[in-house]
Each structure stands twice: as C-alpha cells, then as structure tokens.
Amino acid sequence: MAKQSILGRITQMAKANINALLDSAEDPKMMLDQMVRDYTNSIAEAESAVAQTIGNLRLLEQDHAEDVSNAQDWGRKALAASRKGDELRAAGNSVDADKFDNLAKVALGRQIASENEAKDAEPVIASQTTVVEQLKRGLDAMRTKLSQLSSKRDELVARSKTADAQRQVQDAVHSIDLTDPTSEISRFEDKIRRQEATVLGQQELAASSLDAQFEQLDASDDAVELDARLAALKSGGPAPSAITSGQ
C-alpha cells in the first residue's frame, strides 16, 4: 500500500462525521457495530503500514548517519595522509610524499562521495519525517474516533436496554391496573358486590315476611277481643276492659 493512499485513507476516516452518518442510518446500532469493526481493521492495517514507513525512515536515518560518519572518517584519513606527505617532502623524499598526497586525494574523493550521499538523503528523510508525523496524527485521530464510536455504541445499547425495561414496566403496570373495568380484579369485585346485594335482598325479604306474620298475629288478637266484648254486652254485663284484663 502506497504511503499517499495510506495517508488519504487515514485522513478520510479521521474526518468522518459520525453524527451525520448516524442520522442517515436506518439502524444506528448496527451501523455503529460495522463502523467499529471497519475502524478497528483499518487501524490495524494502517498501524502495520505506518510501522513499515517508520522503519524505512529509520533505515534512511541510519544510512545518513553512516555517510556523515564515513565523510568525517575519510576527512581524517585525508588529513593524516596529507601531513605524512608534507613530512616526507620536508625530509627530501618527494616520491613517497607524492604517494601520500595521492592517497590524501583518494580519501578526499571518498569524503566528497559520502558527503554527497548524505546531502542527497536529507530531503528524502525530511519528506519521510513529515509523512510519518502526518500518519501518526492520523492514527491518533482514528483511535479517538474509534473511542467515540465505541462510547456511542455503548450509550445506544444502554439506552435501548433502559427503554426496553421501561416498556416492560409500563406493560406490567397496565396489566394490573385496578381502575381498568375490564381487568380481572374489577370483574371479581363486581361479582362480590352482586353477591352481597343478593344477601341484602334475601335479608330484607325475610324481614318483610316476619313483619307480616306479626301483623297477622296482632290482627287476630284484636278480633278475639272484639268477640269477647260483644259477648259481654249481650249477657248484660259490662264490657271487659283491656287494661283491667291486662292487670
């Protein structure tokens, strides 16, 4: 995977508007689950690619450091050879002096080559360093988005469970609503009230029957007394008094 495509993908996912995506989703929780999986997989792939990019950068840095070190080393060797040539020439040994001067030139040539390699690597290293920093920031942004997604998903799951529990409680409350005329308890209460009313009616009926019997008895007593008084009158005696006979 090319570095630019990695960077573009990371940037696109890091800038994703989660709320806008959720607003357009038919099933936000299902979409969040899928997004969490996609982000997790993408982060794993991006981490591997970024790690490789960082590794390549570190190799370039190591090569650059080696070129710088070689340039310094060849410079020291050139200086040493030149000084040795100067000493030999001062001693009158121009032949050997020329050899060391030529050796110094070879060392200087190696120094220049190492310096050029180091200079050529510097812009590449600078560019790669910028890309690595961008990739790192992109990965951090993706991890932040993944954390937001996970939190949003957990929030929705918790809210869904709470709403379901509330619905179950409301259903239970409605099913045992004592004021509901169609409930079993209300019908049972009506049945008891009808039974109580029947008993009251039976009691009232019984009481009415008993009163009628006593009224008949009183009427019978009055007829007996009337007959007694009439008989007394016919016999020429005084009519019996109810008060006197009661004494």
Protein backbone atom coordinates (compact mmCIF):
# COMPACT_ATOMS: atom_id res chain seq x y z
CA MET A 1 0.00 0.00 0.00
CA ALA A 2 1.49 3.34 -1.03
CA LYS A 3 2.18 5.96 1.58
CA GLN A 4 -0.11 8.51 -0.07
CA SER A 5 -3.05 6.10 -0.19
CA ILE A 6 -2.50 5.24 3.46
CA LEU A 7 -2.42 8.91 4.39
CA GLY A 8 -5.54 9.64 2.33
CA ARG A 9 -7.45 6.77 3.87
CA ILE A 10 -6.46 7.73 7.40
CA THR A 11 -7.37 11.35 6.78
CA GLN A 12 -10.77 10.44 5.32
CA MET A 13 -11.69 8.17 8.22
CA ALA A 14 -10.38 10.60 10.81
CA LYS A 15 -12.60 13.37 9.37
CA ALA A 16 -15.71 11.18 9.25
CA ASN A 17 -18.77 12.91 10.72
CA ILE A 18 -20.20 10.23 12.96
CA ASN A 19 -23.41 12.08 13.85
CA ALA A 20 -24.22 12.78 10.20
CA LEU A 21 -23.69 9.14 9.34
CA LEU A 22 -25.92 8.04 12.22
CA ASP A 23 -28.68 10.45 11.21
CA SER A 24 -28.87 8.82 7.79
CA ALA A 25 -28.71 5.25 9.08
CA GLU A 26 -31.80 3.06 9.31
CA ASP A 27 -30.29 1.04 12.18
CA PRO A 28 -27.73 3.23 14.02
CA LYS A 29 -26.58 0.45 16.36
CA MET A 30 -25.94 -1.97 13.50
CA MET A 31 -24.12 0.75 11.61
CA LEU A 32 -22.02 1.60 14.67
CA ASP A 33 -21.09 -2.05 15.11
CA GLN A 34 -19.98 -2.18 11.49
CA MET A 35 -18.10 1.11 11.78
CA VAL A 36 -16.30 -0.11 14.90
CA ARG A 37 -15.22 -3.23 13.03
CA ASP A 38 -14.15 -1.20 9.98
CA TYR A 39 -12.20 1.30 12.08
CA THR A 40 -10.55 -1.47 14.09
CA ASN A 41 -9.48 -3.31 10.94
CA SER A 42 -8.36 -0.12 9.22
CA ILE A 43 -6.36 0.98 12.25
CA ALA A 44 -4.63 -2.40 12.38
CA GLU A 45 -3.76 -2.18 8.67
CA ALA A 46 -2.66 1.45 8.99
CA GLU A 47 -0.52 0.67 12.04
CA SER A 48 1.30 -2.03 10.07
CA ALA A 49 1.85 0.27 7.09
CA VAL A 50 2.92 3.20 9.28
CA ALA A 51 5.30 0.94 11.20
CA GLN A 52 6.88 -0.09 7.90
CA THR A 53 7.13 3.56 6.82
CA ILE A 54 8.77 4.45 10.12
CA GLY A 55 11.13 1.53 9.73
CA ASN A 56 12.15 2.72 6.27
CA LEU A 57 12.72 6.21 7.65
CA ARG A 58 14.91 4.87 10.42
CA LEU A 59 16.98 2.96 7.82
CA LEU A 60 17.43 6.16 5.83
CA GLU A 61 18.49 7.96 9.00
CA GLN A 62 20.95 5.22 9.82
CA ASP A 63 22.40 5.34 6.29
CA HIS A 64 22.65 9.13 6.52
CA ALA A 65 24.40 8.93 9.86
CA GLU A 66 26.78 6.35 8.40
CA ASP A 67 27.52 8.59 5.38
CA VAL A 68 28.22 11.52 7.71
CA SER A 69 30.47 9.35 9.85
CA ASN A 70 32.27 8.00 6.76
CA ALA A 71 32.77 11.52 5.43
CA GLN A 72 34.31 12.55 8.74
CA ASP A 73 36.45 9.42 8.80
CA TRP A 74 37.70 9.94 5.22
CA GLY A 75 38.42 13.56 6.09
CA ARG A 76 40.61 12.48 9.00
CA LYS A 77 42.38 9.96 6.75
CA ALA A 78 42.95 12.60 4.06
CA LEU A 79 44.41 14.97 6.63
CA ALA A 80 46.66 12.29 8.02
CA ALA A 81 47.92 11.29 4.55
CA SER A 82 48.50 14.95 3.61
CA ARG A 83 50.51 15.61 6.75
CA LYS A 84 52.55 12.49 6.17
CA GLY A 85 53.26 13.65 2.63
CA ASP A 86 54.32 17.05 3.92
CA GLU A 87 56.69 15.42 6.40
CA LEU A 88 58.25 13.22 3.70
CA ARG A 89 58.59 16.17 1.30
CA ALA A 90 60.22 18.23 4.04
CA ALA A 91 62.64 15.34 4.56
CA GLY A 92 63.51 15.37 0.86
CA ASN A 93 61.53 12.22 -0.01
CA SER A 94 59.34 13.62 -2.73
CA VAL A 95 58.49 10.25 -4.23
CA ASP A 96 56.85 8.91 -1.08
CA ALA A 97 55.45 12.35 -0.40
CA ASP A 98 53.62 12.25 -3.72
CA LYS A 99 52.23 8.81 -2.86
CA PHE A 100 50.73 10.12 0.39
CA ASP A 101 49.42 13.19 -1.34
CA ASN A 102 47.71 10.94 -3.88
CA LEU A 103 46.37 8.83 -1.01
CA ALA A 104 45.03 12.01 0.58
CA LYS A 105 43.26 12.84 -2.70
CA VAL A 106 41.66 9.38 -2.75
CA ALA A 107 40.46 9.89 0.83
CA LEU A 108 39.14 13.32 -0.07
CA GLY A 109 37.28 11.80 -3.02
CA ARG A 110 35.68 9.25 -0.70
CA GLN A 111 34.83 12.04 1.71
CA ILE A 112 33.11 14.02 -1.04
CA ALA A 113 31.14 10.95 -2.17
CA SER A 114 29.95 10.26 1.38
CA GLU A 115 29.02 13.91 1.87
CA ASN A 116 27.06 13.90 -1.39
CA GLU A 117 25.18 10.74 -0.38
CA ALA A 118 24.35 12.31 2.96
CA LYS A 119 23.12 15.52 1.28
CA ASP A 120 21.02 13.60 -1.23
CA ALA A 121 19.36 11.65 1.60
CA GLU A 122 18.47 14.72 3.68
CA PRO A 123 15.45 15.95 1.62
CA VAL A 124 14.13 12.39 1.40
CA ILE A 125 14.49 12.00 5.15
CA ALA A 126 12.77 15.35 5.71
CA SER A 127 9.89 14.35 3.44
CA GLN A 128 9.56 10.93 5.05
CA THR A 129 9.65 12.51 8.50
CA THR A 130 6.75 14.79 7.54
CA VAL A 131 4.76 11.86 6.17
CA VAL A 132 5.42 9.79 9.31
CA GLU A 133 4.25 12.64 11.55
CA GLN A 134 1.08 13.00 9.47
CA LEU A 135 0.46 9.28 9.64
CA LYS A 136 0.94 9.29 13.40
CA ARG A 137 -1.50 12.17 13.82
CA GLY A 138 -3.95 10.42 11.54
CA LEU A 139 -3.69 7.22 13.56
CA ASP A 140 -4.24 9.15 16.78
CA ALA A 141 -7.32 10.77 15.23
CA MET A 142 -8.60 7.37 14.11
CA ARG A 143 -8.10 5.95 17.59
CA THR A 144 -10.02 8.91 19.00
CA LYS A 145 -12.84 8.30 16.51
CA LEU A 146 -12.86 4.62 17.41
CA SER A 147 -13.17 5.54 21.08
CA GLN A 148 -16.06 7.87 20.23
CA LEU A 149 -17.73 5.16 18.17
CA SER A 150 -17.37 2.61 20.95
CA SER A 151 -18.76 5.05 23.52
CA LYS A 152 -21.66 5.99 21.21
CA ARG A 153 -22.45 2.34 20.58
CA ASP A 154 -22.37 1.54 24.32
CA GLU A 155 -24.58 4.56 25.01
CA LEU A 156 -27.14 3.46 22.44
CA VAL A 157 -27.13 -0.11 23.76
CA ALA A 158 -27.62 1.14 27.33
CA ARG A 159 -30.41 3.49 26.27
CA SER A 160 -32.08 0.73 24.29
CA LYS A 161 -31.97 -1.60 27.29
CA THR A 162 -33.33 1.14 29.56
CA ALA A 163 -36.15 1.92 27.14
CA ASP A 164 -37.00 -1.78 26.89
CA ALA A 165 -37.04 -2.12 30.68
CA GLN A 166 -39.31 0.93 30.99
CA ARG A 167 -41.62 -0.51 28.37
CA GLN A 168 -41.83 -3.81 30.25
CA VAL A 169 -42.61 -1.98 33.49
CA GLN A 170 -45.32 0.07 31.80
CA ASP A 171 -46.81 -3.06 30.27
CA ALA A 172 -46.81 -4.71 33.69
CA VAL A 173 -48.46 -1.67 35.29
CA HIS A 174 -51.16 -1.56 32.65
CA SER A 175 -51.82 -5.28 33.03
CA ILE A 176 -52.57 -4.90 36.77
CA ASP A 177 -54.39 -1.57 36.60
CA LEU A 178 -57.11 -1.83 39.26
CA THR A 179 -59.12 1.00 37.73
CA ASP A 180 -59.47 -0.84 34.47
CA PRO A 181 -63.10 -2.04 34.25
CA THR A 182 -62.06 -4.90 32.05
CA SER A 183 -59.45 -6.20 34.49
CA GLU A 184 -59.93 -9.49 36.32
CA ILE A 185 -59.91 -7.81 39.74
CA SER A 186 -62.61 -5.36 38.72
CA ARG A 187 -64.81 -8.18 37.44
CA PHE A 188 -64.22 -10.15 40.64
CA GLU A 189 -65.16 -7.09 42.71
CA ASP A 190 -68.39 -6.70 40.72
CA LYS A 191 -69.19 -10.35 41.34
CA ILE A 192 -68.72 -9.94 45.10
CA ARG A 193 -70.88 -6.81 45.14
CA ARG A 194 -73.65 -8.68 43.33
CA GLN A 195 -73.41 -11.50 45.86
CA GLU A 196 -73.57 -9.00 48.72
CA ALA A 197 -76.59 -7.33 47.15
CA THR A 198 -78.33 -10.70 46.83
CA VAL A 199 -77.75 -11.41 50.51
CA LEU A 200 -79.13 -7.98 51.43
CA GLY A 201 -82.16 -8.64 49.29
CA GLN A 202 -82.73 -12.01 50.96
CA GLN A 203 -82.40 -10.44 54.40
CA GLU A 204 -84.84 -7.68 53.50
CA LEU A 205 -87.28 -10.21 52.10
CA ALA A 206 -87.04 -12.34 55.23
CA ALA A 207 -87.61 -9.31 57.43
CA SER A 208 -90.68 -8.31 55.44
CA SER A 209 -92.16 -11.78 55.79
CA LEU A 210 -91.62 -11.79 59.57
CA ASP A 211 -93.29 -8.38 59.97
CA ALA A 212 -96.31 -9.63 58.03
CA GLN A 213 -96.65 -12.61 60.36
CA PHE A 214 -96.56 -10.36 63.41
CA GLU A 215 -99.15 -8.06 61.83
CA GLN A 216 -101.42 -11.04 61.21
CA LEU A 217 -100.97 -12.09 64.82
CA ASP A 218 -101.88 -8.61 66.06
CA ALA A 219 -104.98 -8.59 63.85
CA SER A 220 -106.05 -11.94 65.27
CA ASP A 221 -105.73 -10.66 68.83
CA ASP A 222 -107.91 -7.67 68.03
CA ALA A 223 -110.66 -9.92 66.62
CA VAL A 224 -110.64 -12.07 69.80
CA GLU A 225 -111.01 -9.02 71.99
CA LEU A 226 -113.86 -7.70 69.88
CA ASP A 227 -115.68 -11.03 70.16
CA ALA A 228 -115.22 -11.05 73.96
CA ARG A 229 -116.58 -7.56 74.39
CA LEU A 230 -119.56 -8.30 72.17
CA ALA A 231 -120.39 -11.41 74.19
CA ALA A 232 -120.23 -9.42 77.43
CA LEU A 233 -122.59 -6.81 76.09
CA LYS A 234 -125.11 -9.47 75.06
CA SER A 235 -125.03 -11.03 78.53
CA GLY A 236 -125.92 -7.67 80.09
CA GLY A 237 -122.65 -7.25 81.89
CA PRO A 238 -120.05 -4.59 81.48
CA ALA A 239 -117.66 -4.87 78.57
CA PRO A 240 -114.28 -6.21 79.66
CA SER A 241 -111.53 -3.62 79.67
CA ALA A 242 -108.24 -4.37 78.03
CA ILE A 243 -106.50 -2.51 80.84
CA THR A 244 -108.34 -4.38 83.59
CA SER A 245 -107.86 -7.81 81.98
CA GLY A 246 -104.20 -6.95 81.41
CA GLN A 247 -103.83 -6.43 85.19
